[in-house]
PDB file of N, CA and C in Angstrom:
ATOM      1  N   MET A   1      27.724 -14.899 -70.592  1.00  0.00           N
ATOM      2  CA  MET A   1      26.384 -15.561 -70.727  1.00  0.00           C
ATOM      3  C   MET A   1      26.451 -16.551 -71.846  1.00  0.00           C
ATOM      4  N   ALA A   2      25.899 -17.705 -71.572  1.00  0.00           N
ATOM      5  CA  ALA A   2      25.899 -18.774 -72.543  1.00  0.00           C
ATOM      6  C   ALA A   2      25.026 -18.421 -73.785  1.00  0.00           C
ATOM      7  N   GLU A   3      25.375 -18.931 -74.915  1.00  0.00           N
ATOM      8  CA  GLU A   3      24.679 -18.559 -76.168  1.00  0.00           C
ATOM      9  C   GLU A   3      23.176 -18.983 -76.128  1.00  0.00           C
ATOM     10  N   ASN A   4      22.897 -20.067 -75.454  1.00  0.00           N
ATOM     11  CA  ASN A   4      21.546 -20.529 -75.455  1.00  0.00           C
ATOM     12  C   ASN A   4      20.638 -19.936 -74.338  1.00  0.00           C
ATOM     13  N   GLU A   5      21.215 -19.065 -73.452  1.00  0.00           N
ATOM     14  CA  GLU A   5      20.454 -18.435 -72.403  1.00  0.00           C
ATOM     15  C   GLU A   5      19.547 -17.319 -72.990  1.00  0.00           C
ATOM     16  N   PRO A   6      18.322 -17.194 -72.505  1.00  0.00           N
ATOM     17  CA  PRO A   6      17.449 -16.150 -72.961  1.00  0.00           C
ATOM     18  C   PRO A   6      17.980 -14.764 -72.713  1.00  0.00           C
ATOM     19  N   LYS A   7      17.705 -13.793 -73.618  1.00  0.00           N
ATOM     20  CA  LYS A   7      18.205 -12.418 -73.431  1.00  0.00           C
ATOM     21  C   LYS A   7      17.125 -11.545 -72.809  1.00  0.00           C
ATOM     22  N   SER A   8      15.910 -12.084 -72.669  1.00  0.00           N
ATOM     23  CA  SER A   8      14.837 -11.415 -71.944  1.00  0.00           C
ATOM     24  C   SER A   8      13.869 -12.372 -71.429  1.00  0.00           C
ATOM     25  N   LEU A   9      13.004 -11.893 -70.565  1.00  0.00           N
ATOM     26  CA  LEU A   9      11.991 -12.797 -69.906  1.00  0.00           C
ATOM     27  C   LEU A   9      10.733 -12.003 -69.872  1.00  0.00           C
ATOM     28  N   GLU A  10       9.659 -12.562 -70.424  1.00  0.00           N
ATOM     29  CA  GLU A  10       8.312 -11.945 -70.345  1.00  0.00           C
ATOM     30  C   GLU A  10       7.726 -12.178 -68.962  1.00  0.00           C
ATOM     31  N   ALA A  11       7.012 -11.134 -68.477  1.00  0.00           N
ATOM     32  CA  ALA A  11       6.197 -11.234 -67.281  1.00  0.00           C
ATOM     33  C   ALA A  11       4.835 -10.884 -67.570  1.00  0.00           C
ATOM     34  N   PHE A  12       3.930 -11.787 -67.150  1.00  0.00           N
ATOM     35  CA  PHE A  12       2.455 -11.559 -67.405  1.00  0.00           C
ATOM     36  C   PHE A  12       1.842 -11.083 -66.093  1.00  0.00           C
ATOM     37  N   PHE A  13       1.110 -10.014 -66.068  1.00  0.00           N
ATOM     38  CA  PHE A  13       0.435  -9.508 -64.890  1.00  0.00           C
ATOM     39  C   PHE A  13      -0.995 -10.053 -64.817  1.00  0.00           C
ATOM     40  N   GLN A  14      -1.302 -10.660 -63.729  1.00  0.00           N
ATOM     41  CA  GLN A  14      -2.657 -11.174 -63.566  1.00  0.00           C
ATOM     42  C   GLN A  14      -3.227 -10.681 -62.227  1.00  0.00           C
ATOM     43  N   LYS A  15      -4.428 -10.108 -62.232  1.00  0.00           N
ATOM     44  CA  LYS A  15      -5.053  -9.542 -61.001  1.00  0.00           C
ATOM     45  C   LYS A  15      -5.654 -10.707 -60.212  1.00  0.00           C
ATOM     46  N   SER A  16      -5.349 -10.682 -58.903  1.00  0.00           N
ATOM     47  CA  SER A  16      -5.907 -11.653 -58.021  1.00  0.00           C
ATOM     48  C   SER A  16      -7.457 -11.349 -57.801  1.00  0.00           C
ATOM     49  N   ASN A  17      -8.138 -12.329 -57.252  1.00  0.00           N
ATOM     50  CA  ASN A  17      -9.584 -12.063 -56.829  1.00  0.00           C
ATOM     51  C   ASN A  17      -9.725 -10.923 -55.865  1.00  0.00           C
ATOM     52  N   PHE A  18      -8.689 -10.635 -55.160  1.00  0.00           N
ATOM     53  CA  PHE A  18      -8.743  -9.569 -54.176  1.00  0.00           C
ATOM     54  C   PHE A  18      -8.260  -8.175 -54.656  1.00  0.00           C
ATOM     55  N   PHE A  19      -7.875  -8.090 -55.868  1.00  0.00           N
ATOM     56  CA  PHE A  19      -7.328  -6.867 -56.482  1.00  0.00           C
ATOM     57  C   PHE A  19      -8.387  -5.720 -56.368  1.00  0.00           C
ATOM     58  N   ARG A  20      -7.926  -4.584 -55.988  1.00  0.00           N
ATOM     59  CA  ARG A  20      -8.725  -3.386 -55.999  1.00  0.00           C
ATOM     60  C   ARG A  20      -7.917  -2.145 -56.000  1.00  0.00           C
ATOM     61  N   VAL A  21      -8.503  -1.068 -56.328  1.00  0.00           N
ATOM     62  CA  VAL A  21      -7.754   0.198 -56.345  1.00  0.00           C
ATOM     63  C   VAL A  21      -8.094   0.918 -55.063  1.00  0.00           C
ATOM     64  N   VAL A  22      -7.046   1.427 -54.355  1.00  0.00           N
ATOM     65  CA  VAL A  22      -7.322   2.154 -53.073  1.00  0.00           C
ATOM     66  C   VAL A  22      -6.691   3.525 -53.295  1.00  0.00           C
ATOM     67  N   HIS A  23      -7.382   4.482 -52.624  1.00  0.00           N
ATOM     68  CA  HIS A  23      -6.877   5.885 -52.555  1.00  0.00           C
ATOM     69  C   HIS A  23      -6.053   6.038 -51.275  1.00  0.00           C
ATOM     70  N   ALA A  24      -4.936   6.697 -51.415  1.00  0.00           N
ATOM     71  CA  ALA A  24      -4.109   6.958 -50.291  1.00  0.00           C
ATOM     72  C   ALA A  24      -3.868   8.425 -50.006  1.00  0.00           C
ATOM     73  N   ASP A  25      -4.143   8.955 -48.813  1.00  0.00           N
ATOM     74  CA  ASP A  25      -3.767  10.289 -48.419  1.00  0.00           C
ATOM     75  C   ASP A  25      -2.438  10.274 -47.679  1.00  0.00           C
ATOM     76  N   GLY A  26      -2.094   9.028 -47.222  1.00  0.00           N
ATOM     77  CA  GLY A  26      -0.792   8.970 -46.431  1.00  0.00           C
ATOM     78  C   GLY A  26      -0.573   7.481 -46.116  1.00  0.00           C
ATOM     79  N   CYS A  27       0.545   7.255 -45.330  1.00  0.00           N
ATOM     80  CA  CYS A  27       0.812   5.892 -44.985  1.00  0.00           C
ATOM     81  C   CYS A  27       1.433   6.016 -43.498  1.00  0.00           C
ATOM     82  N   TYR A  28       1.343   4.851 -42.814  1.00  0.00           N
ATOM     83  CA  TYR A  28       1.923   4.705 -41.512  1.00  0.00           C
ATOM     84  C   TYR A  28       2.482   3.322 -41.427  1.00  0.00           C
ATOM     85  N   GLY A  29       3.734   3.237 -40.857  1.00  0.00           N
ATOM     86  CA  GLY A  29       4.290   1.865 -40.719  1.00  0.00           C
ATOM     87  C   GLY A  29       5.649   1.967 -40.096  1.00  0.00           C
ATOM     88  N   GLY A  30       6.452   0.853 -40.392  1.00  0.00           N
ATOM     89  CA  GLY A  30       7.748   0.783 -39.793  1.00  0.00           C
ATOM     90  C   GLY A  30       8.367  -0.529 -40.056  1.00  0.00           C
ATOM     91  N   LEU A  31       9.184  -1.044 -39.180  1.00  0.00           N
ATOM     92  CA  LEU A  31       9.882  -2.307 -39.329  1.00  0.00           C
ATOM     93  C   LEU A  31       9.151  -3.363 -38.620  1.00  0.00           C
ATOM     94  N   THR A  32       9.130  -4.518 -39.154  1.00  0.00           N
ATOM     95  CA  THR A  32       8.525  -5.642 -38.499  1.00  0.00           C
ATOM     96  C   THR A  32       9.552  -6.421 -37.672  1.00  0.00           C
ATOM     97  N   PRO A  33       9.211  -7.253 -36.742  1.00  0.00           N
ATOM     98  CA  PRO A  33      10.115  -7.989 -35.920  1.00  0.00           C
ATOM     99  C   PRO A  33      11.056  -8.839 -36.712  1.00  0.00           C
ATOM    100  N   ARG A  34      10.585  -9.249 -37.898  1.00  0.00           N
ATOM    101  CA  ARG A  34      11.388 -10.176 -38.797  1.00  0.00           C
ATOM    102  C   ARG A  34      12.290  -9.308 -39.754  1.00  0.00           C
ATOM    103  N   GLY A  35      12.310  -8.019 -39.604  1.00  0.00           N
ATOM    104  CA  GLY A  35      13.164  -7.174 -40.523  1.00  0.00           C
ATOM    105  C   GLY A  35      12.512  -6.790 -41.852  1.00  0.00           C
ATOM    106  N   SER A  36      11.193  -6.922 -41.920  1.00  0.00           N
ATOM    107  CA  SER A  36      10.570  -6.408 -43.213  1.00  0.00           C
ATOM    108  C   SER A  36      10.111  -5.029 -42.873  1.00  0.00           C
ATOM    109  N   ILE A  37       9.664  -4.367 -43.930  1.00  0.00           N
ATOM    110  CA  ILE A  37       9.050  -2.999 -43.795  1.00  0.00           C
ATOM    111  C   ILE A  37       7.538  -3.205 -44.064  1.00  0.00           C
ATOM    112  N   HIS A  38       6.721  -2.600 -43.187  1.00  0.00           N
ATOM    113  CA  HIS A  38       5.280  -2.584 -43.466  1.00  0.00           C
ATOM    114  C   HIS A  38       4.750  -1.130 -43.583  1.00  0.00           C
ATOM    115  N   CYS A  39       3.810  -0.953 -44.410  1.00  0.00           N
ATOM    116  CA  CYS A  39       3.331   0.355 -44.752  1.00  0.00           C
ATOM    117  C   CYS A  39       1.808   0.305 -44.887  1.00  0.00           C
ATOM    118  N   GLY A  40       1.098   0.827 -43.873  1.00  0.00           N
ATOM    119  CA  GLY A  40      -0.357   0.838 -43.925  1.00  0.00           C
ATOM    120  C   GLY A  40      -0.850   2.031 -44.704  1.00  0.00           C
ATOM    121  N   PHE A  41      -1.479   2.023 -45.821  1.00  0.00           N
ATOM    122  CA  PHE A  41      -1.955   3.162 -46.507  1.00  0.00           C
ATOM    123  C   PHE A  41      -3.392   3.496 -46.035  1.00  0.00           C
ATOM    124  N   TYR A  42      -3.601   4.853 -45.842  1.00  0.00           N
ATOM    125  CA  TYR A  42      -4.896   5.202 -45.325  1.00  0.00           C
ATOM    126  C   TYR A  42      -5.446   6.400 -46.162  1.00  0.00           C
ATOM    127  N   SER A  43      -6.781   6.547 -46.098  1.00  0.00           N
ATOM    128  CA  SER A  43      -7.429   7.748 -46.552  1.00  0.00           C
ATOM    129  C   SER A  43      -7.982   8.497 -45.346  1.00  0.00           C
ATOM    130  N   GLU A  44      -7.829   9.775 -45.483  1.00  0.00           N
ATOM    131  CA  GLU A  44      -8.098  10.668 -44.321  1.00  0.00           C
ATOM    132  C   GLU A  44      -9.398  11.475 -44.516  1.00  0.00           C
ATOM    133  N   ARG A  45     -10.215  11.630 -43.573  1.00  0.00           N
ATOM    134  CA  ARG A  45     -11.429  12.437 -43.523  1.00  0.00           C
ATOM    135  C   ARG A  45     -11.792  12.844 -42.245  1.00  0.00           C
ATOM    136  N   VAL A  46     -12.829  13.746 -42.162  1.00  0.00           N
ATOM    137  CA  VAL A  46     -13.341  14.100 -40.821  1.00  0.00           C
ATOM    138  C   VAL A  46     -14.274  12.888 -40.414  1.00  0.00           C
ATOM    139  N   ALA A  47     -14.426  12.789 -39.135  1.00  0.00           N
ATOM    140  CA  ALA A  47     -15.276  11.738 -38.575  1.00  0.00           C
ATOM    141  C   ALA A  47     -16.818  11.890 -39.069  1.00  0.00           C
ATOM    142  N   ILE A  48     -17.352  10.791 -39.426  1.00  0.00           N
ATOM    143  CA  ILE A  48     -18.718  10.797 -39.811  1.00  0.00           C
ATOM    144  C   ILE A  48     -19.528  10.631 -38.513  1.00  0.00           C
ATOM    145  N   PRO A  49     -20.627  11.430 -38.323  1.00  0.00           N
ATOM    146  CA  PRO A  49     -21.318  11.335 -37.027  1.00  0.00           C
ATOM    147  C   PRO A  49     -21.931   9.965 -36.885  1.00  0.00           C
ATOM    148  N   GLN A  50     -22.178   9.496 -35.676  1.00  0.00           N
ATOM    149  CA  GLN A  50     -22.842   8.221 -35.395  1.00  0.00           C
ATOM    150  C   GLN A  50     -24.346   8.403 -35.292  1.00  0.00           C
ATOM    151  N   ARG A  51     -24.769   9.683 -34.795  1.00  0.00           N
ATOM    152  CA  ARG A  51     -26.160   9.893 -34.668  1.00  0.00           C
ATOM    153  C   ARG A  51     -26.411  11.400 -34.850  1.00  0.00           C
ATOM    154  N   THR A  52     -27.541  11.701 -35.564  1.00  0.00           N
ATOM    155  CA  THR A  52     -27.889  13.167 -35.766  1.00  0.00           C
ATOM    156  C   THR A  52     -29.327  13.328 -35.543  1.00  0.00           C
ATOM    157  N   SER A  53     -29.768  14.592 -35.430  1.00  0.00           N
ATOM    158  CA  SER A  53     -31.162  14.900 -35.237  1.00  0.00           C
ATOM    159  C   SER A  53     -31.529  15.998 -36.301  1.00  0.00           C
ATOM    160  N   ILE A  54     -32.589  15.668 -37.005  1.00  0.00           N
ATOM    161  CA  ILE A  54     -33.103  16.648 -38.066  1.00  0.00           C
ATOM    162  C   ILE A  54     -34.429  17.135 -37.637  1.00  0.00           C
ATOM    163  N   PRO A  55     -34.598  18.398 -37.292  1.00  0.00           N
ATOM    164  CA  PRO A  55     -35.899  18.881 -36.860  1.00  0.00           C
ATOM    165  C   PRO A  55     -36.927  19.056 -38.064  1.00  0.00           C
ATOM    166  N   ILE A  56     -38.073  18.937 -37.811  1.00  0.00           N
ATOM    167  CA  ILE A  56     -39.120  19.204 -38.852  1.00  0.00           C
ATOM    168  C   ILE A  56     -39.781  20.509 -38.590  1.00  0.00           C
ATOM    169  N   ILE A  57     -39.585  21.423 -39.560  1.00  0.00           N
ATOM    170  CA  ILE A  57     -40.058  22.807 -39.391  1.00  0.00           C
ATOM    171  C   ILE A  57     -41.102  23.082 -40.471  1.00  0.00           C
ATOM    172  N   ASP A  58     -42.263  23.333 -40.118  1.00  0.00           N
ATOM    173  CA  ASP A  58     -43.361  23.491 -41.063  1.00  0.00           C
ATOM    174  C   ASP A  58     -43.453  22.387 -42.110  1.00  0.00           C
ATOM    175  N   GLY A  59     -43.272  21.129 -41.654  1.00  0.00           N
ATOM    176  CA  GLY A  59     -43.333  19.943 -42.516  1.00  0.00           C
ATOM    177  C   GLY A  59     -42.127  19.752 -43.351  1.00  0.00           C
ATOM    178  N   GLN A  60     -41.068  20.526 -43.239  1.00  0.00           N
ATOM    179  CA  GLN A  60     -39.828  20.335 -43.950  1.00  0.00           C
ATOM    180  C   GLN A  60     -38.707  20.020 -42.976  1.00  0.00           C
ATOM    181  N   PRO A  61     -37.700  19.266 -43.584  1.00  0.00           N
ATOM    182  CA  PRO A  61     -36.456  19.070 -42.670  1.00  0.00           C
ATOM    183  C   PRO A  61     -35.689  20.291 -42.428  1.00  0.00           C
ATOM    184  N   GLY A  62     -35.271  20.476 -41.222  1.00  0.00           N
ATOM    185  CA  GLY A  62     -34.471  21.643 -40.880  1.00  0.00           C
ATOM    186  C   GLY A  62     -32.968  21.356 -40.823  1.00  0.00           C
ATOM    187  N   PRO A  63     -32.195  22.176 -40.249  1.00  0.00           N
ATOM    188  CA  PRO A  63     -30.755  22.009 -40.182  1.00  0.00           C
ATOM    189  C   PRO A  63     -30.397  20.860 -39.311  1.00  0.00           C
ATOM    190  N   GLU A  64     -29.528  19.935 -39.725  1.00  0.00           N
ATOM    191  CA  GLU A  64     -29.162  18.785 -39.002  1.00  0.00           C
ATOM    192  C   GLU A  64     -28.184  19.047 -37.858  1.00  0.00           C
ATOM    193  N   THR A  65     -28.351  18.426 -36.728  1.00  0.00           N
ATOM    194  CA  THR A  65     -27.561  18.626 -35.528  1.00  0.00           C
ATOM    195  C   THR A  65     -26.854  17.339 -35.200  1.00  0.00           C
ATOM    196  N   ILE A  66     -25.572  17.317 -35.015  1.00  0.00           N
ATOM    197  CA  ILE A  66     -24.840  16.147 -34.574  1.00  0.00           C
ATOM    198  C   ILE A  66     -25.075  15.836 -33.043  1.00  0.00           C
ATOM    199  N   LEU A  67     -25.546  14.687 -32.754  1.00  0.00           N
ATOM    200  CA  LEU A  67     -25.830  14.293 -31.395  1.00  0.00           C
ATOM    201  C   LEU A  67     -24.751  13.455 -30.852  1.00  0.00           C
ATOM    202  N   GLU A  68     -24.091  12.662 -31.635  1.00  0.00           N
ATOM    203  CA  GLU A  68     -23.038  11.728 -31.131  1.00  0.00           C
ATOM    204  C   GLU A  68     -22.022  11.451 -32.259  1.00  0.00           C
ATOM    205  N   GLY A  69     -20.803  11.579 -31.935  1.00  0.00           N
ATOM    206  CA  GLY A  69     -19.712  11.337 -32.958  1.00  0.00           C
ATOM    207  C   GLY A  69     -18.388  11.613 -32.364  1.00  0.00           C
ATOM    208  N   LYS A  70     -17.409  11.334 -33.150  1.00  0.00           N
ATOM    209  CA  LYS A  70     -15.998  11.527 -32.747  1.00  0.00           C
ATOM    210  C   LYS A  70     -15.468  12.927 -33.281  1.00  0.00           C
ATOM    211  N   GLU A  71     -14.523  13.486 -32.533  1.00  0.00           N
ATOM    212  CA  GLU A  71     -13.909  14.672 -32.965  1.00  0.00           C
ATOM    213  C   GLU A  71     -12.663  14.316 -33.711  1.00  0.00           C
ATOM    214  N   GLY A  72     -12.154  15.259 -34.519  1.00  0.00           N
ATOM    215  CA  GLY A  72     -10.854  15.091 -35.207  1.00  0.00           C
ATOM    216  C   GLY A  72     -11.027  14.336 -36.550  1.00  0.00           C
ATOM    217  N   LEU A  73      -9.825  13.781 -36.909  1.00  0.00           N
ATOM    218  CA  LEU A  73      -9.751  13.066 -38.200  1.00  0.00           C
ATOM    219  C   LEU A  73      -9.866  11.601 -38.038  1.00  0.00           C
ATOM    220  N   VAL A  74     -10.348  10.917 -39.105  1.00  0.00           N
ATOM    221  CA  VAL A  74     -10.294   9.499 -39.163  1.00  0.00           C
ATOM    222  C   VAL A  74      -9.366   9.142 -40.276  1.00  0.00           C
ATOM    223  N   ARG A  75      -8.409   8.240 -39.945  1.00  0.00           N
ATOM    224  CA  ARG A  75      -7.512   7.699 -40.937  1.00  0.00           C
ATOM    225  C   ARG A  75      -7.927   6.287 -41.203  1.00  0.00           C
ATOM    226  N   GLU A  76      -8.623   6.008 -42.216  1.00  0.00           N
ATOM    227  CA  GLU A  76      -9.110   4.698 -42.515  1.00  0.00           C
ATOM    228  C   GLU A  76      -8.105   3.865 -43.251  1.00  0.00           C
ATOM    229  N   LEU A  77      -7.508   2.826 -42.588  1.00  0.00           N
ATOM    230  CA  LEU A  77      -6.505   1.991 -43.250  1.00  0.00           C
ATOM    231  C   LEU A  77      -7.192   1.055 -44.249  1.00  0.00           C
ATOM    232  N   ASP A  78      -6.729   1.174 -45.471  1.00  0.00           N
ATOM    233  CA  ASP A  78      -7.302   0.245 -46.568  1.00  0.00           C
ATOM    234  C   ASP A  78      -6.411  -0.973 -46.791  1.00  0.00           C
ATOM    235  N   VAL A  79      -5.143  -0.864 -46.739  1.00  0.00           N
ATOM    236  CA  VAL A  79      -4.298  -1.958 -47.067  1.00  0.00           C
ATOM    237  C   VAL A  79      -2.901  -1.793 -46.332  1.00  0.00           C
ATOM    238  N   ASP A  80      -2.315  -2.857 -45.925  1.00  0.00           N
ATOM    239  CA  ASP A  80      -0.967  -2.816 -45.412  1.00  0.00           C
ATOM    240  C   ASP A  80      -0.108  -3.594 -46.297  1.00  0.00           C
ATOM    241  N   VAL A  81       1.024  -3.046 -46.730  1.00  0.00           N
ATOM    242  CA  VAL A  81       1.932  -3.615 -47.625  1.00  0.00           C
ATOM    243  C   VAL A  81       3.190  -3.993 -46.846  1.00  0.00           C
ATOM    244  N   VAL A  82       3.519  -5.244 -46.924  1.00  0.00           N
ATOM    245  CA  VAL A  82       4.758  -5.758 -46.277  1.00  0.00           C
ATOM    246  C   VAL A  82       5.807  -6.144 -47.259  1.00  0.00           C
ATOM    247  N   MET A  83       7.019  -5.585 -47.180  1.00  0.00           N
ATOM    248  CA  MET A  83       8.105  -5.851 -48.174  1.00  0.00           C
ATOM    249  C   MET A  83       9.362  -6.230 -47.383  1.00  0.00           C
ATOM    250  N   ASP A  84      10.161  -7.199 -48.021  1.00  0.00           N
ATOM    251  CA  ASP A  84      11.467  -7.411 -47.508  1.00  0.00           C
ATOM    252  C   ASP A  84      12.410  -6.328 -48.035  1.00  0.00           C
ATOM    253  N   PHE A  85      13.663  -6.398 -47.511  1.00  0.00           N
ATOM    254  CA  PHE A  85      14.629  -5.337 -47.913  1.00  0.00           C
ATOM    255  C   PHE A  85      14.763  -5.129 -49.391  1.00  0.00           C
ATOM    256  N   THR A  86      15.028  -6.235 -50.093  1.00  0.00           N
ATOM    257  CA  THR A  86      15.276  -6.248 -51.584  1.00  0.00           C
ATOM    258  C   THR A  86      14.076  -5.545 -52.267  1.00  0.00           C
ATOM    259  N   THR A  87      12.894  -6.011 -51.961  1.00  0.00           N
ATOM    260  CA  THR A  87      11.680  -5.526 -52.534  1.00  0.00           C
ATOM    261  C   THR A  87      11.513  -4.031 -52.240  1.00  0.00           C
ATOM    262  N   ALA A  88      11.832  -3.636 -51.036  1.00  0.00           N
ATOM    263  CA  ALA A  88      11.718  -2.173 -50.559  1.00  0.00           C
ATOM    264  C   ALA A  88      12.685  -1.331 -51.480  1.00  0.00           C
ATOM    265  N   VAL A  89      13.886  -1.862 -51.696  1.00  0.00           N
ATOM    266  CA  VAL A  89      14.859  -1.127 -52.497  1.00  0.00           C
ATOM    267  C   VAL A  89      14.376  -0.968 -53.924  1.00  0.00           C
ATOM    268  N   SER A  90      13.771  -2.086 -54.462  1.00  0.00           N
ATOM    269  CA  SER A  90      13.166  -1.944 -55.874  1.00  0.00           C
ATOM    270  C   SER A  90      12.023  -0.960 -55.858  1.00  0.00           C
ATOM    271  N   PHE A  91      11.208  -1.009 -54.928  1.00  0.00           N
ATOM    272  CA  PHE A  91      10.146  -0.068 -54.785  1.00  0.00           C
ATOM    273  C   PHE A  91      10.634   1.377 -54.727  1.00  0.00           C
ATOM    274  N   HIS A  92      11.584   1.579 -53.858  1.00  0.00           N
ATOM    275  CA  HIS A  92      12.231   2.954 -53.767  1.00  0.00           C
ATOM    276  C   HIS A  92      12.787   3.383 -55.153  1.00  0.00           C
ATOM    277  N   ILE A  93      13.442   2.569 -55.855  1.00  0.00           N
ATOM    278  CA  ILE A  93      14.008   3.007 -57.158  1.00  0.00           C
ATOM    279  C   ILE A  93      12.821   3.223 -58.100  1.00  0.00           C
ATOM    280  N   TRP A  94      11.840   2.428 -58.151  1.00  0.00           N
ATOM    281  CA  TRP A  94      10.724   2.623 -59.018  1.00  0.00           C
ATOM    282  C   TRP A  94       9.954   3.897 -58.637  1.00  0.00           C
ATOM    283  N   MET A  95       9.771   4.166 -57.392  1.00  0.00           N
ATOM    284  CA  MET A  95       8.965   5.377 -56.967  1.00  0.00           C
ATOM    285  C   MET A  95       9.875   6.584 -57.258  1.00  0.00           C
ATOM    286  N   ARG A  96      11.216   6.602 -57.056  1.00  0.00           N
ATOM    287  CA  ARG A  96      11.979   7.687 -57.349  1.00  0.00           C
ATOM    288  C   ARG A  96      11.940   8.079 -58.802  1.00  0.00           C
ATOM    289  N   ASP A  97      11.969   7.017 -59.637  1.00  0.00           N
ATOM    290  CA  ASP A  97      11.867   7.351 -61.108  1.00  0.00           C
ATOM    291  C   ASP A  97      10.539   7.916 -61.414  1.00  0.00           C
ATOM    292  N   LYS A  98       9.468   7.385 -60.884  1.00  0.00           N
ATOM    293  CA  LYS A  98       8.115   7.946 -61.117  1.00  0.00           C
ATOM    294  C   LYS A  98       7.954   9.354 -60.643  1.00  0.00           C
ATOM    295  N   LEU A  99       8.532   9.612 -59.478  1.00  0.00           N
ATOM    296  CA  LEU A  99       8.479  10.969 -58.902  1.00  0.00           C
ATOM    297  C   LEU A  99       9.328  11.957 -59.775  1.00  0.00           C
ATOM    298  N   GLU A 100      10.463  11.582 -60.285  1.00  0.00           N
ATOM    299  CA  GLU A 100      11.294  12.429 -61.140  1.00  0.00           C
ATOM    300  C   GLU A 100      10.503  12.732 -62.415  1.00  0.00           C
ATOM    301  N   THR A 101       9.960  11.744 -63.042  1.00  0.00           N
ATOM    302  CA  THR A 101       9.071  11.989 -64.194  1.00  0.00           C
ATOM    303  C   THR A 101       7.912  12.942 -63.894  1.00  0.00           C
ATOM    304  N   LEU A 102       7.173  12.822 -62.824  1.00  0.00           N
ATOM    305  CA  LEU A 102       6.200  13.653 -62.444  1.00  0.00           C
ATOM    306  C   LEU A 102       6.645  15.074 -62.155  1.00  0.00           C
ATOM    307  N   ARG A 103       7.809  15.140 -61.440  1.00  0.00           N
ATOM    308  CA  ARG A 103       8.371  16.467 -61.154  1.00  0.00           C
ATOM    309  C   ARG A 103       8.667  17.300 -62.403  1.00  0.00           C
ATOM    310  N   VAL A 104       9.293  16.597 -63.400  1.00  0.00           N
ATOM    311  CA  VAL A 104       9.606  17.234 -64.699  1.00  0.00           C
ATOM    312  C   VAL A 104       8.217  17.766 -65.333  1.00  0.00           C
ATOM    313  N   GLN A 105       7.236  16.811 -65.378  1.00  0.00           N
ATOM    314  CA  GLN A 105       5.947  17.164 -65.983  1.00  0.00           C
ATOM    315  C   GLN A 105       5.297  18.401 -65.270  1.00  0.00           C
ATOM    316  N   MET A 106       5.433  18.419 -63.908  1.00  0.00           N
ATOM    317  CA  MET A 106       4.787  19.558 -63.136  1.00  0.00           C
ATOM    318  C   MET A 106       5.678  20.764 -63.054  1.00  0.00           C
ATOM    319  N   GLN A 107       6.940  20.684 -63.683  1.00  0.00           N
ATOM    320  CA  GLN A 107       7.886  21.756 -63.665  1.00  0.00           C
ATOM    321  C   GLN A 107       8.246  22.267 -62.248  1.00  0.00           C
ATOM    322  N   VAL A 108       8.496  21.333 -61.344  1.00  0.00           N
ATOM    323  CA  VAL A 108       8.832  21.674 -60.035  1.00  0.00           C
ATOM    324  C   VAL A 108      10.339  21.940 -60.053  1.00  0.00           C
ATOM    325  N   SER A 109      10.789  23.166 -59.562  1.00  0.00           N
ATOM    326  CA  SER A 109      12.166  23.500 -59.572  1.00  0.00           C
ATOM    327  C   SER A 109      12.981  22.702 -58.687  1.00  0.00           C
ATOM    328  N   ASP A 110      14.280  22.625 -58.859  1.00  0.00           N
ATOM    329  CA  ASP A 110      15.226  21.972 -57.997  1.00  0.00           C
ATOM    330  C   ASP A 110      15.057  22.531 -56.565  1.00  0.00           C
ATOM    331  N   GLU A 111      15.021  23.792 -56.455  1.00  0.00           N
ATOM    332  CA  GLU A 111      14.866  24.420 -55.110  1.00  0.00           C
ATOM    333  C   GLU A 111      13.624  23.947 -54.386  1.00  0.00           C
ATOM    334  N   ASP A 112      12.465  23.995 -55.062  1.00  0.00           N
ATOM    335  CA  ASP A 112      11.293  23.466 -54.516  1.00  0.00           C
ATOM    336  C   ASP A 112      11.308  21.983 -54.210  1.00  0.00           C
ATOM    337  N   TRP A 113      11.880  21.223 -55.085  1.00  0.00           N
ATOM    338  CA  TRP A 113      11.974  19.787 -54.913  1.00  0.00           C
ATOM    339  C   TRP A 113      12.810  19.457 -53.665  1.00  0.00           C
ATOM    340  N   ASN A 114      13.945  20.197 -53.477  1.00  0.00           N
ATOM    341  CA  ASN A 114      14.782  19.955 -52.322  1.00  0.00           C
ATOM    342  C   ASN A 114      14.027  20.342 -51.033  1.00  0.00           C
ATOM    343  N   ALA A 115      13.250  21.420 -51.137  1.00  0.00           N
ATOM    344  CA  ALA A 115      12.499  21.774 -49.949  1.00  0.00           C
ATOM    345  C   ALA A 115      11.460  20.731 -49.646  1.00  0.00           C
ATOM    346  N   LEU A 116      10.781  20.156 -50.564  1.00  0.00           N
ATOM    347  CA  LEU A 116       9.875  19.081 -50.374  1.00  0.00           C
ATOM    348  C   LEU A 116      10.529  17.906 -49.704  1.00  0.00           C
ATOM    349  N   LEU A 117      11.701  17.652 -50.120  1.00  0.00           N
ATOM    350  CA  LEU A 117      12.447  16.419 -49.591  1.00  0.00           C
ATOM    351  C   LEU A 117      13.118  16.785 -48.208  1.00  0.00           C
ATOM    352  N   GLY A 118      12.983  18.006 -47.728  1.00  0.00           N
ATOM    353  CA  GLY A 118      13.540  18.420 -46.517  1.00  0.00           C
ATOM    354  C   GLY A 118      15.039  18.659 -46.643  1.00  0.00           C
ATOM    355  N   ARG A 119      15.527  18.928 -47.781  1.00  0.00           N
ATOM    356  CA  ARG A 119      16.974  19.178 -48.023  1.00  0.00           C
ATOM    357  C   ARG A 119      17.223  20.653 -48.335  1.00  0.00           C
ATOM    358  N   ALA A 120      16.342  21.495 -47.975  1.00  0.00           N
ATOM    359  CA  ALA A 120      16.558  22.977 -48.259  1.00  0.00           C
ATOM    360  C   ALA A 120      17.744  23.526 -47.518  1.00  0.00           C
ATOM    361  N   LYS A 121      18.520  24.374 -48.159  1.00  0.00           N
ATOM    362  CA  LYS A 121      19.711  24.939 -47.568  1.00  0.00           C
ATOM    363  C   LYS A 121      19.443  26.188 -46.872  1.00  0.00           C
TER     364      LYS A 121
END
């Protein structure tokens, strides 16, 4: 390295106008036709009814009845993240390090950790 080359580089983080915090219960994704990885993060909940009926009993609202709605779970996609290979590797390393720190803080044993990762013997 040349003597006049910097030994470090500062990075300043600036939030875009579209920055927001999203909650994720899971993700769904895969490979794109151009070889990137996409991951759609979703929050999961039961379906909210589209129409209900509330009877009036002695002038007071009674128990609500669902008239129309969907069955099952709703997975509401909040954001889709697309990464190239190099970025995905960097994300993998970053996530691995954060998970290891959290694992130690939560005192998850090696046996339980391997089971979570599907590597149980």
